Protein backbone atom coordinates (compact mmCIF):
# COMPACT_ATOMS: atom_id res chain seq x y z
CA MET A 1 31.74 12.36 33.86
CA GLN A 2 34.24 15.08 34.71
CA ILE A 3 34.48 16.12 31.06
CA THR A 4 30.68 16.27 30.75
CA TYR A 5 30.52 18.45 33.85
CA ARG A 6 33.13 20.83 32.44
CA ILE A 7 31.36 21.06 29.09
CA GLU A 8 28.03 21.69 30.83
CA HIS A 9 29.56 24.32 33.09
CA ASN A 10 31.29 26.11 30.22
CA CYS A 11 28.18 26.02 28.04
CA LYS A 12 26.08 27.50 30.84
CA LEU A 13 28.59 30.33 31.25
CA VAL A 14 28.61 31.08 27.53
CA LEU A 15 24.81 30.89 27.25
CA LYS A 16 24.44 33.24 30.19
CA LEU A 17 26.45 35.83 28.26
CA ASP A 18 25.07 34.96 24.83
CA PRO A 19 21.83 32.90 24.91
CA LYS A 20 21.95 32.40 21.13
CA ASN A 21 25.50 31.06 20.93
CA ILE A 22 25.21 28.27 18.36
CA LYS A 23 28.28 26.32 19.40
CA ALA A 24 27.28 26.29 23.08
CA LEU A 25 23.71 25.24 22.25
CA ILE A 26 24.89 22.42 19.99
CA ARG A 27 27.17 21.10 22.73
CA PHE A 28 24.75 21.66 25.60
CA ILE A 29 21.61 20.02 24.16
CA PRO A 30 23.02 16.45 24.13
CA ILE A 31 24.01 16.86 27.77
CA GLN A 32 20.47 17.98 28.61
CA VAL A 33 19.08 14.96 26.76
CA GLN A 34 21.52 12.64 28.54
CA ARG A 35 20.39 14.04 31.90
CA ASN A 36 16.69 13.70 30.95
CA ASP A 37 16.16 17.48 30.92
CA LEU A 38 13.99 16.94 27.86
CA ASN A 39 11.82 20.06 28.18
CA GLU A 40 14.88 22.29 28.45
CA ALA A 41 16.52 20.47 25.53
CA LEU A 42 13.40 21.04 23.44
CA GLU A 43 13.41 24.75 24.33
CA ASN A 44 17.04 25.01 23.25
CA ILE A 45 16.35 23.11 20.02
CA GLU A 46 13.57 25.58 19.26
CA LYS A 47 15.97 28.43 20.02
CA LEU A 48 18.48 26.85 17.65
CA LYS A 49 15.81 26.53 14.96
CA GLY A 50 15.23 30.26 15.28
CA ILE A 51 18.90 30.89 14.58
CA LEU A 52 19.61 28.18 12.02
CA SER A 53 17.42 26.65 9.35
CA HIS A 54 14.91 23.98 10.43
CA ASP A 55 16.62 21.53 8.08
CA ASP A 56 20.13 22.28 9.31
CA ARG A 57 22.13 19.10 9.83
CA ASP A 58 22.87 19.83 13.50
CA VAL A 59 19.26 20.77 14.24
CA LEU A 60 18.00 17.56 12.64
CA ARG A 61 20.58 15.45 14.52
CA LEU A 62 19.68 17.00 17.87
CA GLN A 63 15.95 16.71 17.18
CA LYS A 64 16.42 13.01 16.35
CA LEU A 65 18.41 12.49 19.56
CA LEU A 66 15.67 14.15 21.61
CA ASN A 67 12.92 12.18 19.86
CA GLN A 68 14.69 8.89 20.55
CA LYS A 69 15.14 9.72 24.23
CA GLN A 70 11.53 10.89 24.52
CA SER A 71 10.30 7.70 22.87
CA LYS A 72 12.25 5.58 25.37
CA ALA A 73 10.90 7.64 28.27
CA ASP A 74 7.34 7.30 26.96
CA LYS A 75 7.68 3.50 26.66
CA LYS A 76 9.10 3.28 30.16
CA MET A 77 6.27 5.38 31.55
CA GLY A 78 3.73 3.27 29.66
CA LYS A 79 5.08 0.11 31.28
CA LYS A 80 4.91 1.70 34.73
CA LEU A 81 1.34 2.87 34.17
CA LYS A 82 0.34 -0.54 32.80
CA ASN A 83 1.57 -2.17 36.01
CA ILE A 84 -0.42 0.28 38.13
CA PHE A 85 -3.73 -0.41 36.39
């Protein structure tokens, strides 16, 4: 947890100075996904796509990670909504 916090903190500092820093974006997006900041992660993936190619290995890996997390969140929400109605 401490390491994740340090990585997140350092990435935020770098991105404040250079919002298009590839290395910081690549390291920060998985942390955003892990913390369920999915909208922010998607924004950063789109930013990364603007810098790198859409079929870049890192972009595809991060997009897959986000899609998996979103799918799990959607299923969880579906179960909650099913229990309500």
